[in-house]
Protein backbone atom coordinates (compact mmCIF):
# COMPACT_ATOMS: atom_id res chain seq x y z
CA MET A 1 133.91 110.32 98.52
CA ARG A 2 131.03 107.90 97.91
CA GLU A 3 133.12 104.98 99.19
CA LYS A 4 134.00 106.89 102.39
CA ALA A 5 130.34 107.73 102.98
CA TYR A 6 129.37 104.10 102.51
CA ARG A 7 132.10 102.86 104.85
CA ARG A 8 130.94 105.35 107.47
CA ARG A 9 127.42 103.99 107.28
CA VAL A 10 128.61 100.39 107.58
CA PHE A 11 130.73 101.08 110.63
CA PHE A 12 128.07 103.32 112.18
CA ASN A 13 125.58 100.43 111.97
CA TYR A 14 128.16 98.07 113.46
CA GLU A 15 128.84 100.44 116.37
CA LYS A 16 125.13 101.01 116.94
CA ARG A 17 124.54 97.27 117.31
CA LEU A 18 127.65 96.98 119.46
CA ARG A 19 126.36 99.55 121.97
CA LEU A 20 122.93 97.91 122.20
CA ARG A 21 123.74 94.19 122.10
CA SER A 22 127.29 93.53 123.25
CA PRO A 23 128.55 93.04 126.82
CA PRO A 24 129.99 96.18 128.41
CA GLU A 25 133.51 94.76 128.38
CA LYS A 26 133.40 94.56 124.58
CA VAL A 27 131.90 98.05 124.24
CA PHE A 28 134.56 99.47 126.54
CA GLU A 29 137.39 97.73 124.70
CA TYR A 30 136.16 98.93 121.30
CA PHE A 31 135.87 102.62 122.21
CA ALA A 32 138.74 102.92 124.71
CA SER A 33 141.70 104.60 123.02
CA HIS A 34 144.41 104.19 125.69
CA ARG A 35 146.22 101.01 126.73
CA HIS A 36 148.73 101.08 129.57
CA HIS A 37 151.99 99.13 129.35
CA HIS A 38 150.57 96.36 131.57
CA GLY A 39 147.63 95.89 129.20
CA GLU A 40 144.74 97.62 131.01
CA MET A 41 142.50 99.74 128.75
CA PHE A 42 141.32 103.26 129.63
CA MET A 43 138.89 105.75 128.11
CA THR A 44 139.08 109.48 127.66
CA PRO A 45 135.88 111.41 128.49
CA ALA A 46 135.29 111.72 124.72
CA ASP A 47 135.58 107.91 124.40
CA LEU A 48 132.94 107.55 127.11
CA MET A 49 130.60 109.87 125.23
CA ARG A 50 131.05 107.88 122.00
CA ALA A 51 130.40 104.62 123.83
CA VAL A 52 127.10 105.98 125.17
CA VAL A 53 125.84 108.30 122.41
CA PRO A 54 125.45 107.14 118.79
CA VAL A 55 127.53 109.60 116.78
CA PHE A 56 128.82 109.88 113.23
CA PRO A 57 132.33 111.06 112.43
CA PRO A 58 132.33 114.85 111.82
CA SER A 59 131.38 115.62 108.22
CA ASP A 60 134.63 117.40 107.35
CA SER A 61 136.93 114.88 109.01
CA HIS A 62 138.63 111.86 107.45
CA ILE A 63 137.50 109.57 110.27
CA ILE A 64 135.55 106.47 109.21
CA ARG A 65 134.58 105.07 112.60
CA GLU A 66 134.79 105.84 116.31
CA GLY A 67 136.56 102.77 117.75
CA PHE A 68 138.76 99.89 116.69
CA LEU A 69 138.74 96.11 116.73
CA ARG A 70 141.08 93.93 118.72
CA GLY A 71 144.48 93.61 117.06
CA GLU A 72 144.12 96.85 115.11
CA ARG A 73 145.79 100.17 115.66
CA PRO A 74 143.50 102.87 117.05
CA PRO A 75 141.95 105.08 114.34
CA ALA A 76 143.06 108.68 114.04
CA GLU A 77 141.99 110.40 117.24
CA LEU A 78 139.72 113.41 117.22
CA ASP A 79 141.22 116.28 119.19
CA CYS A 80 138.59 117.33 121.73
CA ASP A 81 139.14 119.78 124.58
CA ALA A 82 140.01 118.32 127.97
CA SER A 83 137.01 117.75 130.23
CA GLN A 84 137.25 119.93 133.32
CA PHE A 85 134.25 118.10 134.77
CA PHE A 86 135.91 114.68 134.73
CA MET A 87 139.18 116.12 136.02
CA LEU A 88 137.36 116.91 139.29
CA PHE A 89 137.24 113.17 140.05
CA ASP A 90 140.62 112.22 138.58
CA THR A 91 142.67 111.17 141.61
CA ASN A 92 145.90 110.42 139.68
CA GLY A 93 145.72 113.30 137.19
CA ASP A 94 145.89 111.21 133.99
CA GLY A 95 142.43 112.28 132.76
CA LEU A 96 141.45 108.67 131.96
CA ILE A 97 138.45 106.51 132.88
CA SER A 98 138.82 102.89 133.99
CA PHE A 99 136.33 100.10 133.26
CA PRO A 100 134.79 100.22 136.78
CA GLU A 101 134.36 103.99 136.40
CA TYR A 102 132.80 103.43 132.96
CA ILE A 103 130.18 101.14 134.51
CA PHE A 104 129.59 103.78 137.19
CA PHE A 105 128.99 106.57 134.67
CA VAL A 106 126.91 104.47 132.27
CA THR A 107 124.67 103.38 135.12
CA LEU A 108 124.01 106.96 136.17
CA LEU A 109 123.42 108.12 132.58
CA SER A 110 120.85 105.39 132.04
CA ILE A 111 118.68 106.21 135.06
CA PRO A 112 116.02 108.93 134.70
CA GLU A 113 116.44 111.59 137.36
CA PRO A 114 112.97 111.13 138.90
CA ASN A 115 113.61 107.39 139.34
CA PHE A 116 117.01 108.04 140.84
CA SER A 117 115.62 110.55 143.32
CA ALA A 118 113.01 108.10 144.57
CA THR A 119 115.57 105.28 144.88
CA PHE A 120 118.10 107.53 146.63
CA LYS A 121 115.55 108.75 149.17
CA MET A 122 114.48 105.18 149.95
CA PHE A 123 117.88 104.61 151.52
CA ASP A 124 117.85 107.88 153.45
CA LEU A 125 116.33 106.14 156.47
CA ASP A 126 116.29 109.15 158.77
CA SER A 127 115.23 111.57 155.99
CA ASN A 128 118.16 113.89 156.65
CA GLY A 129 119.06 114.27 152.98
CA LYS A 130 122.28 112.20 153.06
CA ILE A 131 123.41 108.59 152.93
CA GLU A 132 126.46 106.61 154.00
CA ARG A 133 128.97 104.76 151.82
CA GLU A 134 127.48 101.29 152.26
CA GLU A 135 123.97 102.62 151.64
CA PHE A 136 125.23 104.26 148.45
CA LYS A 137 126.72 100.96 147.24
CA LYS A 138 123.31 99.35 147.68
CA VAL A 139 121.69 102.15 145.66
CA MET A 140 124.25 101.71 142.88
CA GLN A 141 123.81 97.94 142.87
CA LEU A 142 120.05 98.35 142.55
CA MET A 143 120.42 100.86 139.70
CA ARG A 144 122.92 98.63 137.88
CA SER A 145 120.45 95.75 138.04
CA HIS A 146 118.01 97.90 136.01
CA ASN A 147 120.57 98.92 133.39
CA ARG A 148 121.57 96.60 130.55
CA GLN A 149 125.24 97.58 130.54
CA GLY A 150 125.40 97.54 134.33
CA SER A 151 123.60 94.23 134.82
CA ALA A 152 125.36 92.42 131.95
CA HIS A 153 128.93 93.21 132.99
CA ARG A 154 131.14 90.29 134.08
CA ASP A 155 133.46 92.39 136.26
CA GLY A 156 135.86 92.60 133.34
CA LEU A 157 136.02 88.83 132.82
CA ARG A 158 136.71 88.68 129.09
CA PRO A 159 139.66 86.90 127.41
CA GLY A 160 142.54 89.34 127.01
CA PHE A 161 140.68 92.10 128.90
CA ILE A 162 142.54 93.38 131.96
CA VAL A 163 140.80 95.32 134.75
CA GLY A 164 142.72 96.81 137.65
CA ASP A 165 139.81 96.77 140.15
CA SER A 166 136.35 95.28 140.51
CA VAL A 167 133.19 97.12 139.49
CA GLU A 168 131.94 96.98 143.06
CA ASN A 169 134.99 98.93 144.30
CA GLY A 170 135.13 101.27 141.31
CA GLY A 171 133.53 104.61 140.65
CA LEU A 172 133.92 107.90 142.46
CA VAL A 173 133.38 106.64 145.97
CA GLU A 174 136.40 108.53 147.26
CA TYR A 175 135.10 111.81 145.83
CA PHE A 176 131.72 111.37 147.55
CA PHE A 177 132.82 109.78 150.84
CA GLY A 178 136.46 110.76 151.31
CA LYS A 179 139.53 108.55 151.40
CA ASP A 180 138.44 106.87 154.62
CA GLY A 181 134.88 106.36 153.32
CA LYS A 182 133.36 107.87 156.46
CA SER A 183 131.91 111.07 155.00
CA SER A 184 128.22 111.30 154.13
CA LEU A 185 126.86 112.06 150.68
CA GLN A 186 124.48 115.00 150.57
CA TYR A 187 121.47 114.50 148.31
CA GLU A 188 121.85 117.95 146.74
CA LYS A 189 125.50 117.28 145.89
CA PHE A 190 124.71 114.10 144.03
CA VAL A 191 121.75 115.54 142.12
CA LYS A 192 124.00 118.39 140.99
CA PHE A 193 126.64 115.86 139.97
CA LEU A 194 124.06 113.93 137.95
CA LYS A 195 122.87 117.05 136.12
CA ASP A 196 126.44 118.17 135.45
CA LEU A 197 127.29 114.71 134.09
CA HIS A 198 124.45 114.86 131.56
CA HIS A 199 125.44 118.39 130.57
CA GLU A 200 129.05 117.32 130.08
CA ILE A 201 128.02 114.48 127.76
CA ILE A 202 126.12 117.02 125.64
CA ARG A 203 129.16 119.31 125.60
CA LEU A 204 131.42 116.42 124.57
CA GLU A 205 129.03 115.45 121.77
CA PHE A 206 129.09 119.00 120.44
CA ALA A 207 132.90 119.08 120.73
CA HIS A 208 133.01 115.81 118.79
CA TYR A 209 131.36 117.46 115.79
CA ASP A 210 133.22 120.74 116.38
CA TYR A 211 136.54 118.95 116.00
CA LYS A 212 138.24 122.10 114.65
CA SER A 213 137.16 124.05 117.77
CA CYS A 214 135.34 126.74 115.80
CA GLY A 215 132.56 127.12 118.37
CA THR A 216 129.89 126.04 115.87
CA ILE A 217 128.97 122.92 113.92
CA SER A 218 127.47 122.55 110.46
CA ALA A 219 123.76 122.02 109.91
CA ARG A 220 124.70 118.63 108.46
CA ASP A 221 126.39 117.52 111.69
CA PHE A 222 123.45 118.85 113.71
CA ALA A 223 121.14 116.76 111.52
CA LEU A 224 123.37 113.70 111.96
CA SER A 225 123.15 114.06 115.73
CA MET A 226 119.34 114.10 115.47
CA VAL A 227 118.96 111.00 113.29
CA ALA A 228 121.79 108.89 114.77
CA ALA A 229 119.48 107.21 117.28
CA ALA A 230 116.73 106.37 114.76
CA ASP A 231 115.58 102.80 114.23
CA MET A 232 117.99 100.71 112.17
CA GLY A 233 115.31 100.18 109.54
CA LEU A 234 114.87 103.94 109.04
CA ILE A 235 118.40 105.27 109.44
CA SER A 236 119.32 104.97 105.74
CA LYS A 237 116.28 107.01 104.71
CA PHE A 238 117.15 109.77 107.18
CA LEU A 239 120.81 109.77 106.12
CA ASP A 240 119.73 110.25 102.51
CA ARG A 241 117.80 113.33 103.58
CA VAL A 242 120.83 114.60 105.50
CA ASP A 243 122.90 114.20 102.34
CA GLU A 244 120.38 116.41 100.52
CA LEU A 245 121.34 119.32 102.80
CA SER A 246 124.23 119.96 100.42
CA ASP A 247 121.74 120.83 97.66
CA ASN A 248 120.26 123.68 99.70
CA PRO A 249 122.60 126.73 99.83
CA HIS A 250 120.92 128.10 102.97
CA LEU A 251 121.32 124.84 104.89
CA ARG A 252 124.70 123.95 103.40
CA ASP A 253 126.32 127.10 104.83
CA MET A 254 124.38 127.20 108.09
CA GLN A 255 126.20 126.92 111.43
CA ILE A 256 124.67 125.78 114.72
CA THR A 257 125.95 127.16 118.04
CA PHE A 258 126.39 125.22 121.27
CA GLU A 259 123.48 127.13 122.82
CA GLU A 260 121.23 125.89 120.01
CA PHE A 261 122.60 122.36 120.34
CA LYS A 262 122.00 122.46 124.10
CA ALA A 263 118.47 123.80 123.59
CA PHE A 264 117.59 120.85 121.37
CA ALA A 265 118.98 118.47 124.02
CA GLU A 266 116.72 120.17 126.57
CA LEU A 267 113.77 119.72 124.21
CA ARG A 268 114.48 115.97 124.08
CA LYS A 269 114.17 115.82 127.87
CA LYS A 270 110.68 117.36 127.61
CA LEU A 271 109.52 115.11 124.83
CA TYR A 272 106.34 113.96 126.57
CA PRO A 273 104.69 117.40 126.90
CA LEU A 274 106.00 118.32 123.42
CA ALA A 275 104.45 115.18 121.94
CA LEU A 276 101.10 115.91 123.61
CA ALA A 277 101.16 119.46 122.31
CA ILE A 278 102.03 118.74 118.69
CA PHE A 279 99.82 115.64 118.46
CA SER A 280 96.85 117.56 119.88
CA TYR A 281 97.47 120.47 117.55
CA GLY A 282 97.95 118.16 114.58
CA LYS A 283 94.73 116.30 115.36
CA VAL A 284 92.76 119.54 115.35
CA ASN A 285 94.46 121.28 112.44
CA GLY A 286 95.88 118.33 110.51
CA LEU A 287 99.19 120.08 109.81
CA LEU A 288 102.15 121.33 111.83
CA THR A 289 104.12 124.25 110.39
CA LYS A 290 107.44 125.68 111.53
CA ASP A 291 105.70 128.44 113.49
CA ASP A 292 103.53 125.85 115.22
CA PHE A 293 106.60 123.82 116.21
CA GLN A 294 108.41 126.86 117.62
CA ARG A 295 105.31 127.90 119.57
CA ALA A 296 104.90 124.41 121.06
CA ALA A 297 108.57 124.30 122.13
CA SER A 298 108.43 127.77 123.66
CA HIS A 299 105.00 127.79 125.31
CA VAL A 300 104.78 124.15 126.40
CA CYS A 301 108.41 123.19 127.04
CA ASP A 302 109.88 126.63 127.78
CA VAL A 303 112.64 125.99 125.23
CA VAL A 304 113.59 128.58 122.61
CA VAL A 305 114.01 126.93 119.21
CA THR A 306 115.68 129.19 116.64
CA GLU A 307 114.71 129.40 112.99
CA ASN A 308 117.95 127.67 112.00
CA MET A 309 117.15 124.70 114.23
CA VAL A 310 113.61 124.46 112.87
CA ASP A 311 114.83 124.63 109.27
CA VAL A 312 117.07 121.61 109.85
CA VAL A 313 114.38 119.67 111.72
CA PHE A 314 111.84 120.22 108.95
CA HIS A 315 114.33 119.35 106.21
CA VAL A 316 114.98 115.97 107.79
CA PHE A 317 111.47 115.16 109.03
CA ASP A 318 109.26 116.78 106.38
CA ALA A 319 108.84 113.58 104.41
CA ASN A 320 106.84 114.90 101.45
CA ARG A 321 108.35 118.42 101.41
CA ASP A 322 104.99 120.13 101.90
CA GLY A 323 106.26 122.44 104.65
CA ASN A 324 104.72 120.39 107.47
CA LEU A 325 106.44 118.17 110.01
CA SER A 326 106.10 114.38 109.83
CA ILE A 327 105.31 114.11 113.52
CA ASP A 328 105.64 110.32 113.82
CA GLU A 329 109.08 110.30 112.21
CA PHE A 330 110.39 113.17 114.32
CA LEU A 331 109.14 111.86 117.65
CA GLY A 332 110.19 108.31 116.81
CA ALA A 333 113.79 109.27 116.09
CA VAL A 334 114.16 111.65 119.05
CA GLN A 335 112.33 109.45 121.55
CA ARG A 336 114.45 106.44 120.63
CA ARG A 337 117.60 108.30 121.65
CA GLU A 338 116.18 109.16 125.05
CA ARG A 339 114.96 105.60 125.51
CA ASP A 340 118.34 104.13 124.57
CA ILE A 341 120.42 106.49 126.74
CA VAL A 342 118.04 107.37 129.59
CA ALA A 343 115.87 104.26 129.55
CA HIS A 344 112.66 103.91 131.56
CA ILE A 345 112.57 101.00 133.99
CA LEU A 346 110.15 98.91 131.92
CA ASP A 347 112.31 99.36 128.84
CA MET A 348 115.36 98.23 130.79
CA VAL A 349 113.56 95.14 132.08
CA ASP A 350 112.55 94.31 128.51
CA GLN A 351 116.17 94.68 127.40
CA ARG A 352 117.29 92.26 130.09
CA GLU A 353 114.75 89.71 128.93
CA ARG A 354 115.88 90.09 125.31
CA GLU A 355 119.49 89.74 126.44
CA ARG A 356 118.66 86.52 128.26
CA GLU A 357 116.90 85.12 125.19
CA ARG A 358 119.82 86.11 123.00
CA LEU A 359 122.31 84.34 125.27
CA PHE A 360 120.41 81.06 125.38
CA GLN A 361 119.12 80.84 121.81
CA PRO A 362 120.98 80.52 118.50
CA LEU A 363 122.03 83.86 117.09
CA LYS A 364 119.71 85.34 114.52
CA MET A 365 121.07 86.87 111.34
CA ASP A 366 120.34 90.44 112.39
CA VAL A 367 122.72 90.23 115.37
CA VAL A 368 125.54 88.28 113.73
CA PHE A 369 127.14 91.50 112.48
CA ALA A 370 127.54 92.77 116.03
CA GLU A 371 128.40 89.48 117.71
CA VAL A 372 130.74 87.92 115.14
CA ASP A 373 133.51 85.70 116.53
CA GLU A 374 136.37 87.66 118.14
CA GLU A 375 139.10 86.11 116.02
CA VAL A 376 137.57 86.98 112.67
CA GLU A 377 135.53 90.10 113.37
CA GLY A 378 138.16 92.53 112.04
CA CYS A 379 138.46 90.62 108.76
CA PHE A 380 134.67 90.29 108.58
CA CYS A 381 134.12 94.06 108.77
CA ARG A 382 136.86 94.92 106.31
CA GLU A 383 135.79 92.30 103.80
CA LEU A 384 132.18 93.49 103.97
CA VAL A 385 133.20 97.11 103.36
CA GLU A 386 135.49 96.20 100.48
CA LYS A 387 132.94 93.88 98.90
CA GLN A 388 130.07 96.37 99.11
CA ALA A 389 132.17 99.34 98.02
CA SER A 390 133.10 97.52 94.84
CA VAL A 391 129.48 96.85 93.89
């Protein structure tokens, strides 16, 4: 059991670095679970979620990691429900996502809705609330240029990586503009699509942890979803606290519903007003209790946070176990997820600059693990796990 837990941590760290620092072709190839007979890789909607959202394997599963390295067999697949949302745009009925479509979805998931709205309306020259196909392509090209995965892609140009179409021609253009490309895209339709896409990613994340389709997930898996996006230097500390959930009978047996999971996702979207509220309250009173946290979520963010949710939050982020929230730790972990997945424009520009420096300077030790040579990376990971597990 201890060896499995350690291996999970090692591969989780590898996958976390992979998402943040590798080209999109490599990320897609690692998480895609389907290869057609002619060699082209495809993702399921659940694969897409795992490529975007840092997730741990479900606590009760035997899964060690979420993807696989070139030359390996795919790991045991988690059985998640089919995505009715993605089937709406599936023209051939296979339920799979190509690399160009992956770039399309990742680009949209990485753009904050207010920024997208402003960009979209810029191209609505006559202010009639709709744009044409070529205008839409320009919008997408602009948004990709501000997204690390979108701007770093090489149109699938990676040794051994086969792509059936170019990124420029990919996506759901037919759904929005018809087969002839002459229909107009209504602003309201696309905003609804964007909101539904974000909601579906949340649903897929919950289904990932609810791999037995019980309708609930354990408090441990809920805690894992909260800390998964934390800074690499802090993740081990948070995971130790998650492990301590097993010592608390109340938390060990607790189950979290999808409504609660969705409510916490909504709270992440309103992190700025929540941060102002709890920091202001903490500055005046010095402490932040569970009741204070629930009141801030309800009154300031209009999000109902149940006692079960608060109990898990305080277990993980009450550093000294005095019954008060460690505000910096909580906001740091939660805000990092939103920054990594729905990045602000300045953050994305900074990422592009770091990517440029990484490409033209010798690799530093802290990125070698994620960017190890293709031919030896599988051996490298396995040898590391085996070596450390034996210590």
